[in-house]
């Protein structure tokens, strides 16, 4: 019975760790998406600015 309790605790701890890691990954994915959107906006702005220049 002691081994079962120990194994159950270990499994529960691993499940908790996985849940925590998944939450961290989800937050990172959201931040990456936000950063990608910001970079796309900057690129669009730069494209607009460079479109004004002409080489003669």
C-alpha atoms as a PDB file:
ATOM      1  CA  UNK A   1       0.000   0.000   0.000  1.00  0.00           C
ATOM      2  CA  UNK A   2       2.881   2.346   0.740  1.00  0.00           C
ATOM      3  CA  UNK A   3       4.283   1.866  -2.755  1.00  0.00           C
ATOM      4  CA  UNK A   4       0.854   2.610  -4.238  1.00  0.00           C
ATOM      5  CA  UNK A   5       0.564   5.847  -2.273  1.00  0.00           C
ATOM      6  CA  UNK A   6       4.054   6.865  -3.296  1.00  0.00           C
ATOM      7  CA  UNK A   7       3.340   6.098  -6.956  1.00  0.00           C
ATOM      8  CA  UNK A   8       0.025   7.977  -6.796  1.00  0.00           C
ATOM      9  CA  UNK A   9       1.755  11.024  -5.308  1.00  0.00           C
ATOM     10  CA  UNK A  10       4.445  10.904  -7.983  1.00  0.00           C
ATOM     11  CA  UNK A  11       1.849  10.663 -10.749  1.00  0.00           C
ATOM     12  CA  UNK A  12      -0.133  13.542  -9.249  1.00  0.00           C
ATOM     13  CA  UNK A  13       3.029  15.664  -9.061  1.00  0.00           C
ATOM     14  CA  UNK A  14       3.898  14.905 -12.671  1.00  0.00           C
ATOM     15  CA  UNK A  15       0.368  15.807 -13.782  1.00  0.00           C
ATOM     16  CA  UNK A  16       0.628  19.096 -11.861  1.00  0.00           C
ATOM     17  CA  UNK A  17       3.994  19.811 -13.493  1.00  0.00           C
ATOM     18  CA  UNK A  18       2.551  19.109 -16.938  1.00  0.00           C
ATOM     19  CA  UNK A  19      -0.407  21.392 -16.248  1.00  0.00           C
ATOM     20  CA  UNK A  20       1.920  24.162 -15.109  1.00  0.00           C
ATOM     21  CA  UNK A  21       4.191  23.725 -18.128  1.00  0.00           C
ATOM     22  CA  UNK A  22       1.167  23.804 -20.433  1.00  0.00           C
ATOM     23  CA  UNK A  23       0.009  27.062 -18.857  1.00  0.00           C
ATOM     24  CA  UNK A  24       3.464  28.594 -19.262  1.00  0.00           C
ATOM     25  CA  UNK A  25       3.554  27.448 -22.902  1.00  0.00           C
ATOM     26  CA  UNK A  26       0.098  28.922 -23.538  1.00  0.00           C
ATOM     27  CA  UNK A  27       1.190  32.295 -22.156  1.00  0.00           C
ATOM     28  CA  UNK A  28       4.349  32.169 -24.264  1.00  0.00           C
ATOM     29  CA  UNK A  29       2.327  31.359 -27.379  1.00  0.00           C
ATOM     30  CA  UNK A  30       0.056  34.337 -26.733  1.00  0.00           C
ATOM     31  CA  UNK A  31       3.063  36.630 -26.300  1.00  0.00           C
ATOM     32  CA  UNK A  32       4.661  35.285 -29.489  1.00  0.00           C
ATOM     33  CA  UNK A  33       1.450  35.976 -31.403  1.00  0.00           C
ATOM     34  CA  UNK A  34       1.309  39.515 -30.016  1.00  0.00           C
ATOM     35  CA  UNK A  35       4.943  40.124 -30.930  1.00  0.00           C
ATOM     36  CA  UNK A  36       4.397  38.769 -34.449  1.00  0.00           C
ATOM     37  CA  UNK A  37       1.456  41.140 -34.880  1.00  0.00           C
ATOM     38  CA  UNK A  38       3.557  44.073 -33.665  1.00  0.00           C
ATOM     39  CA  UNK A  39       6.381  43.132 -36.039  1.00  0.00           C
ATOM     40  CA  UNK A  40       3.947  42.905 -38.947  1.00  0.00           C
ATOM     41  CA  UNK A  41       2.699  46.405 -38.123  1.00  0.00           C
ATOM     42  CA  UNK A  42       6.254  47.745 -37.973  1.00  0.00           C
ATOM     43  CA  UNK A  43       7.075  46.063 -41.286  1.00  0.00           C
ATOM     44  CA  UNK A  44       3.988  47.577 -42.873  1.00  0.00           C
ATOM     45  CA  UNK A  45       4.977  51.006 -41.579  1.00  0.00           C
ATOM     46  CA  UNK A  46       8.514  50.627 -42.880  1.00  0.00           C
ATOM     47  CA  UNK A  47       7.200  49.479 -46.233  1.00  0.00           C
ATOM     48  CA  UNK A  48       5.063  52.602 -46.437  1.00  0.00           C
ATOM     49  CA  UNK A  49       8.024  54.807 -45.570  1.00  0.00           C
ATOM     50  CA  UNK A  50      10.422  53.193 -48.016  1.00  0.00           C
ATOM     51  CA  UNK A  51       7.769  53.373 -50.746  1.00  0.00           C
ATOM     52  CA  UNK A  52       8.137  57.166 -50.667  1.00  0.00           C
ATOM     53  CA  UNK A  53      11.782  57.031 -51.725  1.00  0.00           C
ATOM     54  CA  UNK A  54      12.709  56.903 -55.373  1.00  0.00           C
ATOM     55  CA  UNK A  55      16.133  56.254 -56.824  1.00  0.00           C
ATOM     56  CA  UNK A  56      16.834  58.443 -59.778  1.00  0.00           C
END
